[in-house]
C-alpha atoms as a PDB file:
ATOM      1  CA  MET A   1    -107.716-113.706 -69.514  1.00  0.00           C
ATOM      2  CA  LEU A   2    -104.917-115.158 -71.644  1.00  0.00           C
ATOM      3  CA  ASN A   3    -105.598-112.520 -74.288  1.00  0.00           C
ATOM      4  CA  GLN A   4    -105.339-109.837 -71.610  1.00  0.00           C
ATOM      5  CA  LEU A   5    -102.019-111.280 -70.411  1.00  0.00           C
ATOM      6  CA  ARG A   6    -100.652-111.321 -73.954  1.00  0.00           C
ATOM      7  CA  THR A   7    -101.852-107.768 -74.544  1.00  0.00           C
ATOM      8  CA  ASP A   8    -100.210-106.477 -71.370  1.00  0.00           C
ATOM      9  CA  PHE A   9     -96.919-108.252 -72.035  1.00  0.00           C
ATOM     10  CA  TYR A  10     -96.879-106.959 -75.607  1.00  0.00           C
ATOM     11  CA  ARG A  11     -97.579-103.410 -74.457  1.00  0.00           C
ATOM     12  CA  LEU A  12     -94.887-103.579 -71.774  1.00  0.00           C
ATOM     13  CA  SER A  13     -92.351-104.951 -74.254  1.00  0.00           C
ATOM     14  CA  HIS A  14     -92.900-101.813 -76.343  1.00  0.00           C
ATOM     15  CA  THR A  15     -92.634 -99.433 -73.386  1.00  0.00           C
ATOM     16  CA  LEU A  16     -89.403 -97.547 -72.702  1.00  0.00           C
ATOM     17  CA  GLY A  17     -90.022 -97.651 -68.946  1.00  0.00           C
ATOM     18  CA  ILE A  18     -89.594-101.418 -68.685  1.00  0.00           C
ATOM     19  CA  TYR A  19     -86.177-101.225 -70.345  1.00  0.00           C
ATOM     20  CA  LEU A  20     -85.123 -98.378 -68.061  1.00  0.00           C
ATOM     21  CA  THR A  21     -86.165-100.516 -65.086  1.00  0.00           C
ATOM     22  CA  LEU A  22     -84.149-103.403 -66.503  1.00  0.00           C
ATOM     23  CA  LEU A  23     -81.082-101.184 -66.910  1.00  0.00           C
ATOM     24  CA  PHE A  24     -81.433 -99.974 -63.325  1.00  0.00           C
ATOM     25  CA  ALA A  25     -81.607-103.555 -61.997  1.00  0.00           C
ATOM     26  CA  ILE A  26     -78.487-104.507 -63.971  1.00  0.00           C
ATOM     27  CA  GLY A  27     -76.541-101.383 -63.028  1.00  0.00           C
ATOM     28  CA  TYR A  28     -77.533-101.488 -59.349  1.00  0.00           C
ATOM     29  CA  SER A  29     -76.506-105.136 -59.001  1.00  0.00           C
ATOM     30  CA  ALA A  30     -73.232-104.592 -60.865  1.00  0.00           C
ATOM     31  CA  VAL A  31     -72.247-101.665 -58.624  1.00  0.00           C
ATOM     32  CA  ILE A  32     -73.066-103.564 -55.415  1.00  0.00           C
ATOM     33  CA  THR A  33     -71.070-106.609 -56.482  1.00  0.00           C
ATOM     34  CA  SER A  34     -68.079-104.850 -58.024  1.00  0.00           C
ATOM     35  CA  LYS A  35     -67.685-102.262 -55.250  1.00  0.00           C
ATOM     36  CA  ASN A  36     -68.311-104.685 -52.340  1.00  0.00           C
ATOM     37  CA  ILE A  37     -71.027-102.484 -50.867  1.00  0.00           C
ATOM     38  CA  VAL A  38     -74.508-103.001 -49.495  1.00  0.00           C
ATOM     39  CA  GLY A  39     -77.340-100.668 -50.470  1.00  0.00           C
ATOM     40  CA  GLY A  40     -81.015-100.867 -49.717  1.00  0.00           C
ATOM     41  CA  ILE A  41     -83.044 -99.365 -46.896  1.00  0.00           C
ATOM     42  CA  MET A  42     -83.174-100.321 -43.207  1.00  0.00           C
ATOM     43  CA  VAL A  43     -80.703-103.196 -43.403  1.00  0.00           C
ATOM     44  CA  THR A  44     -80.763-104.881 -40.007  1.00  0.00           C
ATOM     45  CA  THR A  45     -77.803-105.947 -37.883  1.00  0.00           C
ATOM     46  CA  ASP A  46     -78.745-109.635 -37.953  1.00  0.00           C
ATOM     47  CA  SER A  47     -78.947-109.604 -41.741  1.00  0.00           C
ATOM     48  CA  MET A  48     -75.611-107.789 -42.071  1.00  0.00           C
ATOM     49  CA  ALA A  49     -74.033-110.556 -39.993  1.00  0.00           C
ATOM     50  CA  LYS A  50     -74.501-112.783 -43.040  1.00  0.00           C
ATOM     51  CA  LEU A  51     -71.867-110.769 -44.906  1.00  0.00           C
ATOM     52  CA  ASP A  52     -68.219-110.322 -43.942  1.00  0.00           C
ATOM     53  CA  SER A  53     -66.969-107.235 -45.748  1.00  0.00           C
ATOM     54  CA  SER A  54     -63.383-107.783 -44.562  1.00  0.00           C
ATOM     55  CA  LYS A  55     -62.721-110.855 -46.716  1.00  0.00           C
ATOM     56  CA  LEU A  56     -62.455-111.341 -50.449  1.00  0.00           C
ATOM     57  CA  TRP A  57     -65.958-111.747 -51.782  1.00  0.00           C
ATOM     58  CA  THR A  58     -67.131-114.849 -53.579  1.00  0.00           C
ATOM     59  CA  LEU A  59     -70.065-115.144 -55.965  1.00  0.00           C
ATOM     60  CA  LYS A  60     -72.141-116.280 -52.991  1.00  0.00           C
ATOM     61  CA  ASP A  61     -71.172-113.134 -51.059  1.00  0.00           C
ATOM     62  CA  GLY A  62     -72.247-111.071 -54.058  1.00  0.00           C
ATOM     63  CA  ILE A  63     -75.654-112.751 -54.010  1.00  0.00           C
ATOM     64  CA  ASN A  64     -75.954-112.132 -50.256  1.00  0.00           C
ATOM     65  CA  ALA A  65     -75.056-108.459 -50.743  1.00  0.00           C
ATOM     66  CA  SER A  66     -77.590-108.159 -53.568  1.00  0.00           C
ATOM     67  CA  THR A  67     -80.229-109.752 -51.332  1.00  0.00           C
ATOM     68  CA  LEU A  68     -79.460-107.326 -48.519  1.00  0.00           C
ATOM     69  CA  SER A  69     -79.764-104.485 -51.019  1.00  0.00           C
ATOM     70  CA  SER A  70     -82.979-105.734 -52.612  1.00  0.00           C
ATOM     71  CA  SER A  71     -85.298-103.573 -50.480  1.00  0.00           C
ATOM     72  CA  LEU A  72     -84.662-100.733 -52.925  1.00  0.00           C
ATOM     73  CA  LEU A  73     -86.210-102.833 -55.698  1.00  0.00           C
ATOM     74  CA  VAL A  74     -89.657-102.133 -54.237  1.00  0.00           C
ATOM     75  CA  TYR A  75     -89.248 -98.538 -55.367  1.00  0.00           C
ATOM     76  CA  ALA A  76     -87.378 -99.294 -58.573  1.00  0.00           C
ATOM     77  CA  PHE A  77     -90.271-101.514 -59.677  1.00  0.00           C
ATOM     78  CA  ILE A  78     -92.995 -98.897 -59.076  1.00  0.00           C
ATOM     79  CA  GLY A  79     -92.815 -98.274 -62.807  1.00  0.00           C
ATOM     80  CA  ILE A  80     -94.153-101.791 -63.383  1.00  0.00           C
ATOM     81  CA  PHE A  81     -97.224-100.930 -61.310  1.00  0.00           C
ATOM     82  CA  VAL A  82     -97.740 -97.670 -63.205  1.00  0.00           C
ATOM     83  CA  MET A  83     -97.247 -99.250 -66.640  1.00  0.00           C
ATOM     84  CA  THR A  84     -99.379-102.320 -65.901  1.00  0.00           C
ATOM     85  CA  VAL A  85    -102.313-100.818 -64.017  1.00  0.00           C
ATOM     86  CA  GLY A  86    -101.918 -97.071 -63.736  1.00  0.00           C
ATOM     87  CA  TYR A  87    -101.837 -96.289 -67.442  1.00  0.00           C
ATOM     88  CA  GLU A  88    -105.212 -97.864 -68.144  1.00  0.00           C
ATOM     89  CA  PHE A  89    -106.876 -96.066 -65.239  1.00  0.00           C
ATOM     90  CA  SER A  90    -105.271 -92.713 -65.957  1.00  0.00           C
ATOM     91  CA  GLN A  91    -106.386 -92.934 -69.607  1.00  0.00           C
ATOM     92  CA  LYS A  92    -109.733 -94.588 -68.713  1.00  0.00           C
ATOM     93  CA  THR A  93    -108.982 -97.339 -71.252  1.00  0.00           C
ATOM     94  CA  TYR A  94    -109.743-100.046 -68.677  1.00  0.00           C
ATOM     95  CA  LYS A  95    -113.418 -99.527 -69.565  1.00  0.00           C
ATOM     96  CA  ASN A  96    -112.761-100.744 -73.106  1.00  0.00           C
ATOM     97  CA  THR A  97    -111.061-103.841 -71.705  1.00  0.00           C
ATOM     98  CA  LEU A  98    -113.931-104.647 -69.355  1.00  0.00           C
ATOM     99  CA  VAL A  99    -116.574-104.413 -72.085  1.00  0.00           C
ATOM    100  CA  SER A 100    -114.555-106.657 -74.415  1.00  0.00           C
ATOM    101  CA  GLY A 101    -115.629-109.837 -72.634  1.00  0.00           C
ATOM    102  CA  ILE A 102    -113.126-110.238 -69.781  1.00  0.00           C
ATOM    103  CA  THR A 103    -114.656-110.424 -66.297  1.00  0.00           C
ATOM    104  CA  ARG A 104    -113.599-108.047 -63.562  1.00  0.00           C
ATOM    105  CA  THR A 105    -112.124-110.939 -61.586  1.00  0.00           C
ATOM    106  CA  GLN A 106    -110.032-111.991 -64.571  1.00  0.00           C
ATOM    107  CA  PHE A 107    -108.993-108.388 -65.103  1.00  0.00           C
ATOM    108  CA  ILE A 108    -107.649-107.997 -61.541  1.00  0.00           C
ATOM    109  CA  ILE A 109    -105.937-111.406 -61.516  1.00  0.00           C
ATOM    110  CA  SER A 110    -104.316-110.826 -64.914  1.00  0.00           C
ATOM    111  CA  LYS A 111    -102.939-107.470 -63.779  1.00  0.00           C
ATOM    112  CA  TYR A 112    -101.499-109.053 -60.645  1.00  0.00           C
ATOM    113  CA  LEU A 113     -99.932-111.930 -62.620  1.00  0.00           C
ATOM    114  CA  VAL A 114     -98.357-109.530 -65.119  1.00  0.00           C
ATOM    115  CA  MET A 115     -96.719-107.606 -62.281  1.00  0.00           C
ATOM    116  CA  LEU A 116     -95.617-110.789 -60.486  1.00  0.00           C
ATOM    117  CA  ILE A 117     -94.022-112.311 -63.601  1.00  0.00           C
ATOM    118  CA  ASN A 118     -92.266-109.076 -64.551  1.00  0.00           C
ATOM    119  CA  ILE A 119     -90.909-108.600 -61.037  1.00  0.00           C
ATOM    120  CA  PHE A 120     -89.695-112.213 -60.958  1.00  0.00           C
ATOM    121  CA  VAL A 121     -87.901-111.922 -64.308  1.00  0.00           C
ATOM    122  CA  LEU A 122     -86.291-108.618 -63.355  1.00  0.00           C
ATOM    123  CA  SER A 123     -85.225-110.099 -60.005  1.00  0.00           C
ATOM    124  CA  LEU A 124     -83.588-113.006 -61.843  1.00  0.00           C
ATOM    125  CA  VAL A 125     -81.724-110.545 -64.060  1.00  0.00           C
ATOM    126  CA  TYR A 126     -80.706-108.610 -60.940  1.00  0.00           C
ATOM    127  CA  PHE A 127     -79.132-111.660 -59.298  1.00  0.00           C
ATOM    128  CA  PHE A 128     -77.623-113.141 -62.444  1.00  0.00           C
ATOM    129  CA  THR A 129     -75.954-109.775 -63.045  1.00  0.00           C
ATOM    130  CA  SER A 130     -74.270-110.209 -59.665  1.00  0.00           C
ATOM    131  CA  ILE A 131     -72.978-113.623 -60.738  1.00  0.00           C
ATOM    132  CA  VAL A 132     -71.710-112.379 -64.088  1.00  0.00           C
ATOM    133  CA  THR A 133     -70.037-109.365 -62.442  1.00  0.00           C
ATOM    134  CA  GLY A 134     -68.324-111.625 -59.917  1.00  0.00           C
ATOM    135  CA  MET A 135     -67.151-113.967 -62.666  1.00  0.00           C
ATOM    136  CA  LEU A 136     -65.692-111.036 -64.626  1.00  0.00           C
ATOM    137  CA  LEU A 137     -63.753-110.158 -61.464  1.00  0.00           C
ATOM    138  CA  SER A 138     -62.460-113.766 -61.289  1.00  0.00           C
ATOM    139  CA  ARG A 139     -64.114-114.502 -57.950  1.00  0.00           C
ATOM    140  CA  SER A 140     -64.584-118.029 -56.642  1.00  0.00           C
ATOM    141  CA  VAL A 141     -68.086-119.485 -56.337  1.00  0.00           C
ATOM    142  CA  GLY A 142     -68.034-119.853 -52.545  1.00  0.00           C
ATOM    143  CA  THR A 143     -70.396-122.818 -52.699  1.00  0.00           C
ATOM    144  CA  SER A 144     -71.512-125.360 -55.278  1.00  0.00           C
ATOM    145  CA  TRP A 145     -73.008-124.049 -58.516  1.00  0.00           C
ATOM    146  CA  SER A 146     -76.204-126.010 -57.899  1.00  0.00           C
ATOM    147  CA  LYS A 147     -76.691-124.370 -54.490  1.00  0.00           C
ATOM    148  CA  LEU A 148     -75.849-120.933 -55.878  1.00  0.00           C
ATOM    149  CA  LEU A 149     -78.352-121.208 -58.731  1.00  0.00           C
ATOM    150  CA  ALA A 150     -80.988-122.667 -56.404  1.00  0.00           C
ATOM    151  CA  THR A 151     -80.475-119.680 -54.099  1.00  0.00           C
ATOM    152  CA  VAL A 152     -80.885-117.262 -57.010  1.00  0.00           C
ATOM    153  CA  PHE A 153     -84.191-118.805 -58.128  1.00  0.00           C
ATOM    154  CA  LYS A 154     -85.530-119.148 -54.583  1.00  0.00           C
ATOM    155  CA  THR A 155     -84.565-115.598 -53.629  1.00  0.00           C
ATOM    156  CA  SER A 156     -85.987-114.142 -56.851  1.00  0.00           C
ATOM    157  CA  LEU A 157     -89.291-115.945 -56.300  1.00  0.00           C
ATOM    158  CA  VAL A 158     -89.552-114.916 -52.643  1.00  0.00           C
ATOM    159  CA  ILE A 159     -88.711-111.277 -53.365  1.00  0.00           C
ATOM    160  CA  ALA A 160     -91.092-111.162 -56.344  1.00  0.00           C
ATOM    161  CA  PHE A 161     -93.942-112.613 -54.288  1.00  0.00           C
ATOM    162  CA  PHE A 162     -93.640-110.229 -51.355  1.00  0.00           C
ATOM    163  CA  ILE A 163     -93.189-107.179 -53.582  1.00  0.00           C
ATOM    164  CA  SER A 164     -96.255-108.291 -55.549  1.00  0.00           C
ATOM    165  CA  VAL A 165     -98.286-108.419 -52.316  1.00  0.00           C
ATOM    166  CA  ILE A 166     -97.474-104.744 -51.753  1.00  0.00           C
ATOM    167  CA  PHE A 167     -98.373-103.982 -55.370  1.00  0.00           C
ATOM    168  CA  GLY A 168    -101.600-105.949 -54.982  1.00  0.00           C
ATOM    169  CA  LEU A 169    -102.537-103.705 -52.055  1.00  0.00           C
ATOM    170  CA  ALA A 170    -101.653-100.707 -54.228  1.00  0.00           C
ATOM    171  CA  ILE A 171    -104.166-101.892 -56.851  1.00  0.00           C
ATOM    172  CA  LEU A 172    -106.883-101.804 -54.184  1.00  0.00           C
ATOM    173  CA  VAL A 173    -105.813 -98.305 -53.117  1.00  0.00           C
ATOM    174  CA  LEU A 174    -105.876 -97.197 -56.767  1.00  0.00           C
ATOM    175  CA  LEU A 175    -109.388 -98.558 -57.253  1.00  0.00           C
ATOM    176  CA  LEU A 176    -110.639 -96.920 -54.052  1.00  0.00           C
ATOM    177  CA  THR A 177    -109.132 -93.516 -54.813  1.00  0.00           C
ATOM    178  CA  SER A 178    -109.109 -93.558 -58.636  1.00  0.00           C
ATOM    179  CA  SER A 179    -105.656 -92.038 -58.371  1.00  0.00           C
ATOM    180  CA  ILE A 180    -102.465 -93.573 -59.742  1.00  0.00           C
ATOM    181  CA  VAL A 181    -100.505 -91.045 -57.670  1.00  0.00           C
ATOM    182  CA  THR A 182    -102.108 -92.269 -54.444  1.00  0.00           C
ATOM    183  CA  GLY A 183    -101.436 -95.880 -55.383  1.00  0.00           C
ATOM    184  CA  SER A 184     -97.777 -95.098 -56.090  1.00  0.00           C
ATOM    185  CA  ILE A 185     -97.396 -93.125 -52.854  1.00  0.00           C
ATOM    186  CA  PHE A 186     -98.867 -96.088 -50.976  1.00  0.00           C
ATOM    187  CA  ILE A 187     -96.094 -98.320 -52.352  1.00  0.00           C
ATOM    188  CA  VAL A 188     -93.515 -95.825 -51.086  1.00  0.00           C
ATOM    189  CA  ILE A 189     -95.015 -95.164 -47.648  1.00  0.00           C
ATOM    190  CA  CYS A 190     -96.567 -98.484 -46.592  1.00  0.00           C
ATOM    191  CA  PRO A 191     -93.402-100.636 -46.277  1.00  0.00           C
ATOM    192  CA  ILE A 192     -91.469 -97.923 -44.436  1.00  0.00           C
ATOM    193  CA  LEU A 193     -94.411 -97.189 -42.121  1.00  0.00           C
ATOM    194  CA  VAL A 194     -94.898-100.849 -41.185  1.00  0.00           C
ATOM    195  CA  THR A 195     -91.169-101.383 -40.638  1.00  0.00           C
ATOM    196  CA  THR A 196     -90.897 -98.220 -38.529  1.00  0.00           C
ATOM    197  CA  LEU A 197     -93.913 -99.131 -36.379  1.00  0.00           C
ATOM    198  CA  HIS A 198     -92.539-102.635 -35.946  1.00  0.00           C
ATOM    199  CA  ASN A 199     -89.215-101.296 -34.707  1.00  0.00           C
ATOM    200  CA  ILE A 200     -90.566 -98.463 -32.556  1.00  0.00           C
ATOM    201  CA  ALA A 201     -93.795 -99.887 -31.109  1.00  0.00           C
ATOM    202  CA  ASN A 202     -92.323-103.390 -30.824  1.00  0.00           C
ATOM    203  CA  TRP A 203     -95.631-104.990 -31.790  1.00  0.00           C
ATOM    204  CA  SER A 204     -94.600-108.574 -32.496  1.00  0.00           C
ATOM    205  CA  TRP A 205     -97.601-109.296 -34.756  1.00  0.00           C
ATOM    206  CA  LEU A 206     -96.501-106.578 -37.184  1.00  0.00           C
ATOM    207  CA  LYS A 207     -93.547-108.696 -38.265  1.00  0.00           C
ATOM    208  CA  TYR A 208     -95.933-110.793 -40.367  1.00  0.00           C
ATOM    209  CA  PHE A 209     -96.946-107.691 -42.339  1.00  0.00           C
ATOM    210  CA  ASP A 210     -93.425-106.302 -42.677  1.00  0.00           C
ATOM    211  CA  PHE A 211     -93.221-107.266 -46.348  1.00  0.00           C
ATOM    212  CA  PHE A 212     -90.428-104.726 -46.683  1.00  0.00           C
ATOM    213  CA  SER A 213     -87.885-106.967 -44.930  1.00  0.00           C
ATOM    214  CA  VAL A 214     -89.480-110.403 -44.627  1.00  0.00           C
ATOM    215  CA  ALA A 215     -88.442-111.412 -48.143  1.00  0.00           C
ATOM    216  CA  MET A 216     -84.827-110.598 -47.335  1.00  0.00           C
ATOM    217  CA  LYS A 217     -84.966-112.513 -44.046  1.00  0.00           C
ATOM    218  CA  ILE A 218     -86.482-115.593 -45.667  1.00  0.00           C
ATOM    219  CA  SER A 219     -83.920-115.525 -48.477  1.00  0.00           C
ATOM    220  CA  LEU A 220     -81.033-115.292 -46.008  1.00  0.00           C
ATOM    221  CA  GLY A 221     -82.440-118.027 -43.777  1.00  0.00           C
ATOM    222  CA  LEU A 222     -83.026-115.695 -40.815  1.00  0.00           C
ATOM    223  CA  ILE A 223     -86.540-117.039 -40.192  1.00  0.00           C
ATOM    224  CA  PRO A 224     -86.753-120.508 -38.549  1.00  0.00           C
ATOM    225  CA  ASN A 225     -88.435-123.205 -40.634  1.00  0.00           C
ATOM    226  CA  ASN A 226     -91.138-123.702 -38.005  1.00  0.00           C
ATOM    227  CA  GLN A 227     -92.169-120.042 -38.416  1.00  0.00           C
ATOM    228  CA  LEU A 228     -91.762-119.791 -42.167  1.00  0.00           C
ATOM    229  CA  TRP A 229     -95.252-121.002 -43.021  1.00  0.00           C
ATOM    230  CA  ASN A 230     -96.792-118.371 -40.714  1.00  0.00           C
ATOM    231  CA  TYR A 231     -95.248-115.591 -42.803  1.00  0.00           C
ATOM    232  CA  ILE A 232     -96.202-117.177 -46.112  1.00  0.00           C
ATOM    233  CA  SER A 233     -99.778-118.098 -45.112  1.00  0.00           C
ATOM    234  CA  ILE A 234    -100.526-114.636 -43.725  1.00  0.00           C
ATOM    235  CA  SER A 235     -99.117-113.007 -46.870  1.00  0.00           C
ATOM    236  CA  LEU A 236    -101.240-115.314 -49.041  1.00  0.00           C
ATOM    237  CA  LEU A 237    -104.301-114.438 -46.957  1.00  0.00           C
ATOM    238  CA  VAL A 238    -103.595-110.716 -47.323  1.00  0.00           C
ATOM    239  CA  LEU A 239    -103.206-111.175 -51.081  1.00  0.00           C
ATOM    240  CA  LEU A 240    -106.436-113.179 -51.363  1.00  0.00           C
ATOM    241  CA  VAL A 241    -108.436-110.636 -49.356  1.00  0.00           C
ATOM    242  CA  THR A 242    -106.918-107.814 -51.405  1.00  0.00           C
ATOM    243  CA  ILE A 243    -107.885-109.438 -54.713  1.00  0.00           C
ATOM    244  CA  VAL A 244    -111.431-110.145 -53.491  1.00  0.00           C
ATOM    245  CA  LEU A 245    -111.880-106.568 -52.271  1.00  0.00           C
ATOM    246  CA  SER A 246    -110.439-105.215 -55.528  1.00  0.00           C
ATOM    247  CA  VAL A 247    -112.951-107.257 -57.513  1.00  0.00           C
ATOM    248  CA  VAL A 248    -115.814-105.994 -55.309  1.00  0.00           C
ATOM    249  CA  VAL A 249    -114.690-102.373 -55.747  1.00  0.00           C
ATOM    250  CA  ILE A 250    -114.273-102.574 -59.519  1.00  0.00           C
ATOM    251  CA  ARG A 251    -117.666-104.276 -59.886  1.00  0.00           C
ATOM    252  CA  ASN A 252    -119.277-101.288 -58.195  1.00  0.00           C
ATOM    253  CA  LYS A 253    -117.156 -98.724 -59.994  1.00  0.00           C
ATOM    254  CA  GLU A 254    -118.798 -96.362 -62.461  1.00  0.00           C
ATOM    255  CA  MET A 255    -118.037 -97.376 -66.055  1.00  0.00           C
END
């Protein structure tokens, strides 16, 4: 599996798409921070209350704004899914990988880890760009540096994990349909559909599957500590079931 991880990272490092994704993350964060705006999709009122747009922003405010705007990263990072998993299935080269000695379980897990690590690194770049932009504008920290940096690492990890859960589900959809297009469309539609149903139908249980906004709420401290583990454990369970089902599907897939 380590050889597969190295191969995927090497291939991604020589792919133009990953650098375009990196440039988008940097540019998007810089615009949000420098222009004092909030982007993203379906930003809620309670989350917006964390940011006072009428005052002079600090570095901490820039991080909060970037967190509120991070929902768009789900779509910006679709390229990672396509480059990591989609390419091999569209070109049928995954068959060569599977006959080289790696097990199907290792194949699925390695693909998930590659996406998770790439999303985490890009998320770190996204938030550190906000800090650098704020520093260039001579803004105050707004908190201690240790707390600011801890927030950046925590938020990057949380966002990377929940985005990777969505991408993990997309792997299963790709395996079931043998279509990279369907897998990519799933990434686009699923978060919006769950969020919309949660808001319209008011089904309280759907909040645990609203990966689209739960990462933002956790990062901003909008979820009480006594409920935090419920969100994390359910997401881990969904991820585990997804990986198991993906392994079952690929084991029964025609080579």
